[in-house]
Amino acid sequence: MKVIENISEKKWLEILDRKKEYSFFQTPDFSSIICKHIKNYEEAHKLFIFDEGTEVLLPLIKIKHLSVRLGKHSREVAYNLVSLPLGAYGGLISANPISDEQLKEISNYLISINTMGILIINYPASNILLSNIFKIDENKTLVIPLNCTYEDIWNNRFDSKIRAEIRKAQKEGVVVKEIKDDEIVKKYLLLSDKSMGNWAKKDRLPIDMIRNLIYNQNSRLWVAMIKDELVAGVLMLCSPNEMYYYQSAMNKNYSKFYPTKYIFEFVMKYGIANGYKMLNLGGSGGIRNVEHFKMSFNPETVTYKIQLLTSKFWDKMRKLKNYLQK
């Protein structure tokens, strides 16, 4: 097995093109953007090539936790490898079936890396598991299938309450448009920053990172306007088979007009018209209001696997640190 670390964008995209079904998070663009804007992130992707030609890509981000200064130089002594962070999907990507023997070789390679731990968050449509030395956990996401007509969604997915809320938004003059006009993007980012400040003070995403995601060719931004005021927005990250609901923002003063739910009517119509298989709403992160909002669309629950390998040495160090801090 040959391992390549400096993977060209061309090679990466070739593998995705052959794979057909993948997430926006598994593209080189996502890794590049997050590493550009989060200072302790560094790209550490691996491409495994086997003798008979099978290629297996593993997107990985190195998250640096601890370094020591040695003279003029700083040396990393502790880091994690994650595929992928920020609630994103990673996992092994291959257009060909991966044999048990090949999975064993990949597992042995990953085990040999001197790291605090390796976390692999699988894409739901591709739950490939490594050796049983990895601890397996499970999480869930909420999806709305789009291989139907919008009338099917309106009649069978939406209940009477959400239909009434959409009608109220229309009656109150809420206008929805898909747009990336610089002035609109600026207003959305201000609203997004304020919205994140209300619940994600510690883990809020860098605004410049959100800006780069908005201007990516595979993202879509819908906004809701009342006259000239932007009152809500929704950012979707798209791949050939799915639209992923990554972020939204809303002016709470206009919540009684249900602008965000009205935006989703346009998002679903767009997804159906453009051949997307599903709208992935993501999870709720344990936030009750987020879960209530997503469940209002009567989505289906899909599970995916999370694989974790931790270093025994760093486990002991963490336990010692926790003990000393008591």
Protein backbone atom coordinates (compact mmCIF):
# COMPACT_ATOMS: atom_id res chain seq x y z
CA MET A 1 0.00 0.00 0.00
CA LYS A 2 1.30 3.43 -0.96
CA VAL A 3 0.34 6.50 1.11
CA ILE A 4 0.26 9.95 -0.48
CA GLU A 5 -0.11 13.03 1.71
CA ASN A 6 0.14 15.92 -0.75
CA ILE A 7 -3.01 15.23 -2.77
CA SER A 8 -3.69 17.48 -5.72
CA GLU A 9 -7.11 19.05 -6.05
CA LYS A 10 -7.39 17.46 -9.50
CA LYS A 11 -6.85 13.94 -8.11
CA TRP A 12 -9.26 14.59 -5.22
CA LEU A 13 -12.01 15.77 -7.58
CA GLU A 14 -11.40 12.80 -9.91
CA ILE A 15 -12.07 10.40 -7.01
CA LEU A 16 -15.25 12.28 -6.03
CA ASP A 17 -16.43 12.32 -9.64
CA ARG A 18 -16.09 8.55 -9.84
CA LYS A 19 -17.73 8.12 -6.43
CA LYS A 20 -20.82 10.16 -7.51
CA GLU A 21 -22.41 10.40 -4.04
CA TYR A 22 -20.57 12.57 -1.55
CA SER A 23 -21.01 15.53 0.77
CA PHE A 24 -19.82 19.11 0.25
CA PHE A 25 -17.76 18.54 3.41
CA GLN A 26 -15.75 15.86 1.61
CA THR A 27 -14.61 18.27 -1.11
CA PRO A 28 -11.17 19.94 -1.06
CA ASP A 29 -12.88 23.35 -0.88
CA PHE A 30 -14.33 22.75 2.59
CA SER A 31 -11.02 21.64 4.13
CA SER A 32 -9.17 24.52 2.50
CA ILE A 33 -11.66 27.10 3.78
CA ILE A 34 -11.78 25.94 7.40
CA CYS A 35 -7.98 25.60 7.66
CA LYS A 36 -7.56 29.09 6.25
CA HIS A 37 -9.70 30.64 8.98
CA ILE A 38 -9.14 28.46 12.08
CA LYS A 39 -5.59 28.88 13.30
CA ASN A 40 -5.02 25.48 14.95
CA TYR A 41 -6.36 23.52 11.95
CA GLU A 42 -4.03 22.02 9.35
CA GLU A 43 -4.77 19.78 6.37
CA ALA A 44 -3.41 16.24 6.81
CA HIS A 45 -5.29 14.22 4.19
CA LYS A 46 -4.23 10.71 3.16
CA LEU A 47 -4.60 8.89 -0.16
CA PHE A 48 -4.09 5.12 0.05
CA ILE A 49 -3.23 3.41 -3.25
CA PHE A 50 -3.22 -0.39 -3.50
CA ASP A 51 -1.34 -2.55 -5.99
CA GLU A 52 -4.41 -3.49 -8.05
CA GLY A 53 -5.32 0.20 -8.47
CA THR A 54 -7.90 0.84 -5.75
CA GLU A 55 -7.65 4.42 -4.43
CA VAL A 56 -9.03 5.35 -1.02
CA LEU A 57 -9.12 8.98 0.10
CA LEU A 58 -9.38 9.97 3.76
CA PRO A 59 -9.89 13.71 4.36
CA LEU A 60 -8.16 14.58 7.65
CA ILE A 61 -7.67 17.76 9.63
CA LYS A 62 -4.90 18.00 12.20
CA ILE A 63 -6.12 19.93 15.24
CA LYS A 64 -3.14 21.16 17.21
CA HIS A 65 -3.58 21.11 21.00
CA LEU A 66 -0.12 21.55 22.53
CA SER A 67 3.31 22.71 21.41
CA VAL A 68 6.58 23.42 23.19
CA ARG A 69 9.15 26.08 22.36
CA LEU A 70 12.69 24.83 21.70
CA GLY A 71 14.92 27.85 21.14
CA LYS A 72 13.56 29.68 18.13
CA HIS A 73 11.39 26.78 17.05
CA SER A 74 8.06 25.45 18.21
CA ARG A 75 7.45 21.71 18.16
CA GLU A 76 4.03 20.07 18.24
CA VAL A 77 3.71 17.44 20.94
CA ALA A 78 -0.04 16.82 20.93
CA TYR A 79 -2.68 16.89 18.23
CA ASN A 80 -5.81 15.10 17.09
CA LEU A 81 -6.73 13.98 13.59
CA VAL A 82 -10.38 14.48 12.66
CA SER A 83 -12.31 13.48 9.56
CA LEU A 84 -13.92 16.00 9.64
CA PRO A 85 -14.45 18.75 12.28
CA LEU A 86 -17.18 21.39 12.74
CA GLY A 87 -20.00 18.87 12.56
CA ALA A 88 -18.92 17.81 9.07
CA TYR A 89 -18.81 14.40 7.42
CA GLY A 90 -15.55 12.75 6.41
CA GLY A 91 -14.68 9.07 6.26
CA LEU A 92 -13.12 6.88 3.59
CA ILE A 93 -13.95 7.79 -0.01
CA SER A 94 -13.49 5.34 -2.86
CA ALA A 95 -15.23 4.60 -6.14
CA ASN A 96 -14.26 0.92 -5.76
CA PRO A 97 -15.23 -1.65 -3.12
CA ILE A 98 -12.68 -1.77 -0.30
CA SER A 99 -11.74 -5.26 0.85
CA ASP A 100 -11.38 -6.31 4.48
CA GLU A 101 -7.65 -6.76 3.93
CA GLN A 102 -7.33 -3.23 2.55
CA LEU A 103 -9.29 -1.82 5.49
CA LYS A 104 -6.92 -3.68 7.81
CA GLU A 105 -3.90 -2.12 6.10
CA ILE A 106 -5.41 1.37 6.37
CA SER A 107 -6.27 0.75 10.04
CA ASN A 108 -2.73 -0.40 10.84
CA TYR A 109 -1.31 2.71 9.18
CA LEU A 110 -3.60 5.03 11.17
CA ILE A 111 -2.81 3.21 14.41
CA SER A 112 0.91 3.80 13.79
CA ILE A 113 0.48 7.60 13.69
CA ASN A 114 1.68 9.29 16.89
CA THR A 115 -1.42 11.32 17.78
CA MET A 116 -3.71 11.96 20.75
CA GLY A 117 -6.54 10.35 18.84
CA ILE A 118 -8.28 9.88 15.51
CA LEU A 119 -11.95 10.70 15.04
CA ILE A 120 -13.71 9.70 11.81
CA ILE A 121 -17.25 10.93 11.19
CA ASN A 122 -18.69 8.86 8.38
CA TYR A 123 -20.90 10.20 5.62
CA PRO A 124 -24.33 8.54 6.15
CA ALA A 125 -24.45 7.19 2.58
CA SER A 126 -21.08 5.46 3.00
CA ASN A 127 -20.64 3.81 6.39
CA ILE A 128 -17.30 2.06 5.79
CA LEU A 129 -15.82 0.79 9.05
CA LEU A 130 -12.16 0.25 9.89
CA SER A 131 -10.80 -2.46 12.22
CA ASN A 132 -12.51 -3.21 15.53
CA ILE A 133 -9.71 -1.47 17.44
CA PHE A 134 -11.67 1.71 16.66
CA LYS A 135 -14.52 2.42 19.07
CA ILE A 136 -17.79 2.75 17.15
CA ASP A 137 -20.49 5.22 18.10
CA GLU A 138 -23.59 6.37 16.27
CA ASN A 139 -25.25 9.71 15.63
CA LYS A 140 -28.24 10.84 13.64
CA THR A 141 -29.15 13.45 11.10
CA LEU A 142 -32.53 14.58 9.80
CA VAL A 143 -33.30 14.44 6.08
CA ILE A 144 -36.14 15.27 3.73
CA PRO A 145 -36.16 13.12 0.56
CA LEU A 146 -36.56 15.24 -2.58
CA ASN A 147 -37.27 12.50 -5.12
CA CYS A 148 -40.90 13.62 -5.27
CA THR A 149 -42.99 16.63 -6.27
CA TYR A 150 -43.32 19.71 -4.10
CA GLU A 151 -47.03 18.98 -3.85
CA ASP A 152 -46.11 15.70 -2.13
CA ILE A 153 -44.05 17.61 0.44
CA TRP A 154 -46.75 20.26 0.93
CA ASN A 155 -49.50 17.67 1.44
CA ASN A 156 -47.62 14.87 3.21
CA ARG A 157 -44.56 16.42 4.87
CA PHE A 158 -46.00 19.72 6.15
CA ASP A 159 -48.74 19.74 8.75
CA SER A 160 -51.52 22.35 8.86
CA LYS A 161 -49.53 24.55 11.26
CA ILE A 162 -46.49 24.95 9.01
CA ARG A 163 -48.70 25.51 5.94
CA ALA A 164 -50.48 28.30 7.84
CA GLU A 165 -47.13 29.86 8.82
CA ILE A 166 -45.96 29.87 5.20
CA ARG A 167 -49.22 31.48 4.09
CA LYS A 168 -48.82 34.15 6.78
CA ALA A 169 -45.31 34.98 5.54
CA GLN A 170 -46.72 35.43 2.03
CA LYS A 171 -49.57 37.60 3.32
CA GLU A 172 -47.20 39.84 5.30
CA GLY A 173 -45.15 40.61 2.21
CA VAL A 174 -42.05 38.49 2.92
CA VAL A 175 -40.05 38.15 -0.31
CA VAL A 176 -37.56 35.29 -0.73
CA LYS A 177 -34.71 35.30 -3.22
CA GLU A 178 -31.52 33.35 -3.89
CA ILE A 179 -28.77 35.91 -4.15
CA LYS A 180 -25.06 36.56 -3.52
CA ASP A 181 -25.06 40.32 -4.02
CA ASP A 182 -22.19 41.84 -1.99
CA GLU A 183 -24.46 44.19 -0.06
CA ILE A 184 -26.91 41.39 0.78
CA VAL A 185 -24.06 39.09 1.86
CA LYS A 186 -22.74 41.83 4.14
CA LYS A 187 -26.17 42.21 5.78
CA TYR A 188 -26.54 38.46 6.14
CA LEU A 189 -23.11 38.15 7.82
CA LEU A 190 -24.00 40.86 10.33
CA LEU A 191 -27.25 39.07 11.12
CA SER A 192 -25.42 35.72 11.29
CA ASP A 193 -22.84 37.09 13.72
CA LYS A 194 -25.59 38.43 15.96
CA SER A 195 -27.51 35.15 15.79
CA MET A 196 -24.43 33.08 16.69
CA GLY A 197 -23.74 35.43 19.56
CA ASN A 198 -27.08 34.49 21.08
CA TRP A 199 -26.23 30.79 21.55
CA ALA A 200 -22.69 29.97 20.39
CA LYS A 201 -20.54 32.48 22.22
CA LYS A 202 -17.73 29.99 22.77
CA ASP A 203 -17.77 28.04 19.49
CA ARG A 204 -18.97 30.65 17.02
CA LEU A 205 -17.66 30.29 13.48
CA PRO A 206 -15.35 32.96 12.03
CA ILE A 207 -17.33 35.40 9.89
CA ASP A 208 -14.67 35.36 7.16
CA MET A 209 -15.04 31.60 6.97
CA ILE A 210 -18.81 31.93 6.48
CA ARG A 211 -18.17 34.57 3.80
CA ASN A 212 -15.87 32.19 1.90
CA LEU A 213 -18.45 29.41 2.12
CA ILE A 214 -21.17 31.73 0.79
CA TYR A 215 -19.10 32.69 -2.25
CA ASN A 216 -18.17 29.08 -3.02
CA GLN A 217 -19.63 27.93 -6.34
CA ASN A 218 -21.37 24.97 -4.64
CA SER A 219 -23.20 26.94 -1.97
CA ARG A 220 -26.58 28.64 -2.16
CA LEU A 221 -27.77 31.58 -0.06
CA TRP A 222 -31.47 32.36 0.25
CA VAL A 223 -32.64 35.49 2.05
CA ALA A 224 -36.03 36.78 3.18
CA MET A 225 -36.74 40.48 2.79
CA ILE A 226 -39.49 42.74 4.09
CA LYS A 227 -39.31 45.85 1.93
CA ASP A 228 -35.57 46.67 1.97
CA GLU A 229 -34.73 44.92 5.24
CA LEU A 230 -33.09 41.50 5.36
CA VAL A 231 -34.94 39.57 8.08
CA ALA A 232 -33.63 36.02 7.61
CA GLY A 233 -31.23 33.92 5.57
CA VAL A 234 -30.35 30.27 5.00
CA LEU A 235 -27.00 28.92 3.74
CA MET A 236 -26.99 25.58 1.91
CA LEU A 237 -23.85 23.62 1.00
CA CYS A 238 -24.48 21.45 -2.05
CA SER A 239 -23.03 18.31 -3.61
CA PRO A 240 -24.45 16.41 -6.59
CA ASN A 241 -26.88 14.38 -4.48
CA GLU A 242 -27.74 16.57 -1.50
CA MET A 243 -28.29 20.04 -0.14
CA TYR A 244 -26.96 20.47 3.39
CA TYR A 245 -28.53 23.06 5.71
CA TYR A 246 -25.37 24.57 7.18
CA GLN A 247 -26.49 27.78 8.79
CA SER A 248 -29.31 30.29 9.12
CA ALA A 249 -29.88 33.66 10.72
CA MET A 250 -33.01 35.59 11.63
CA ASN A 251 -33.97 38.95 13.06
CA LYS A 252 -36.06 37.96 16.09
CA ASN A 253 -38.22 41.05 15.69
CA TYR A 254 -39.71 39.40 12.60
CA SER A 255 -40.07 35.85 13.91
CA LYS A 256 -43.87 36.22 13.97
CA PHE A 257 -43.79 36.32 10.15
CA TYR A 258 -41.96 32.94 9.93
CA PRO A 259 -39.41 34.06 7.31
CA THR A 260 -37.03 31.11 7.80
CA LYS A 261 -39.75 28.51 7.29
CA TYR A 262 -40.87 30.40 4.22
CA ILE A 263 -37.32 30.26 2.85
CA PHE A 264 -37.38 26.48 3.17
CA GLU A 265 -40.33 26.31 0.79
CA PHE A 266 -38.08 27.88 -1.88
CA VAL A 267 -35.12 25.68 -0.91
CA MET A 268 -37.16 22.50 -1.37
CA LYS A 269 -38.65 23.66 -4.66
CA TYR A 270 -35.13 24.44 -5.91
CA GLY A 271 -33.82 21.05 -4.75
CA ILE A 272 -36.59 19.12 -6.49
CA ALA A 273 -36.29 21.13 -9.72
CA ASN A 274 -32.50 20.60 -9.84
CA GLY A 275 -32.44 16.87 -9.17
CA TYR A 276 -31.13 16.72 -5.60
CA LYS A 277 -31.99 13.47 -3.82
CA MET A 278 -32.34 14.95 -0.37
CA LEU A 279 -32.23 17.97 1.89
CA ASN A 280 -30.01 17.17 4.88
CA LEU A 281 -31.06 19.24 7.88
CA GLY A 282 -28.21 17.99 10.10
CA GLY A 283 -28.63 17.31 13.79
CA SER A 284 -29.72 19.63 16.57
CA GLY A 285 -26.56 19.70 18.71
CA GLY A 286 -28.78 19.24 21.76
CA ILE A 287 -30.30 22.70 21.27
CA ARG A 288 -34.03 22.41 21.89
CA ASN A 289 -35.15 25.29 19.66
CA VAL A 290 -33.06 23.97 16.75
CA GLU A 291 -34.51 20.48 17.12
CA HIS A 292 -38.06 21.85 17.35
CA PHE A 293 -37.54 23.89 14.18
CA LYS A 294 -36.14 20.96 12.18
CA MET A 295 -38.72 18.47 13.43
CA SER A 296 -41.50 20.82 12.29
CA PHE A 297 -40.73 19.69 8.71
CA ASN A 298 -41.51 16.06 9.65
CA PRO A 299 -38.09 14.78 8.47
CA GLU A 300 -36.77 11.23 8.40
CA THR A 301 -34.00 10.14 10.76
CA VAL A 302 -30.82 8.67 9.26
CA THR A 303 -28.00 7.27 11.38
CA TYR A 304 -24.27 7.36 10.66
CA LYS A 305 -21.20 5.89 12.31
CA ILE A 306 -18.48 7.68 14.27
CA GLN A 307 -15.14 5.89 14.71
CA LEU A 308 -12.72 6.80 17.47
CA LEU A 309 -9.18 5.69 18.29
CA THR A 310 -7.48 7.23 21.33
CA SER A 311 -3.88 7.07 22.51
CA LYS A 312 -3.46 5.25 25.84
CA PHE A 313 -0.65 7.64 26.79
CA TRP A 314 -2.74 10.76 26.19
CA ASP A 315 -5.74 9.18 27.91
CA LYS A 316 -3.59 8.82 31.03
CA MET A 317 -2.35 12.40 30.67
CA ARG A 318 -5.91 13.71 30.42
CA LYS A 319 -6.96 11.75 33.50
CA LEU A 320 -3.95 13.09 35.41
CA LYS A 321 -4.77 16.66 34.37
CA ASN A 322 -8.40 16.26 35.45
CA TYR A 323 -7.26 14.80 38.79
CA LEU A 324 -4.85 17.68 39.46
CA GLN A 325 -7.53 20.22 38.66
CA LYS A 326 -9.96 18.84 41.26
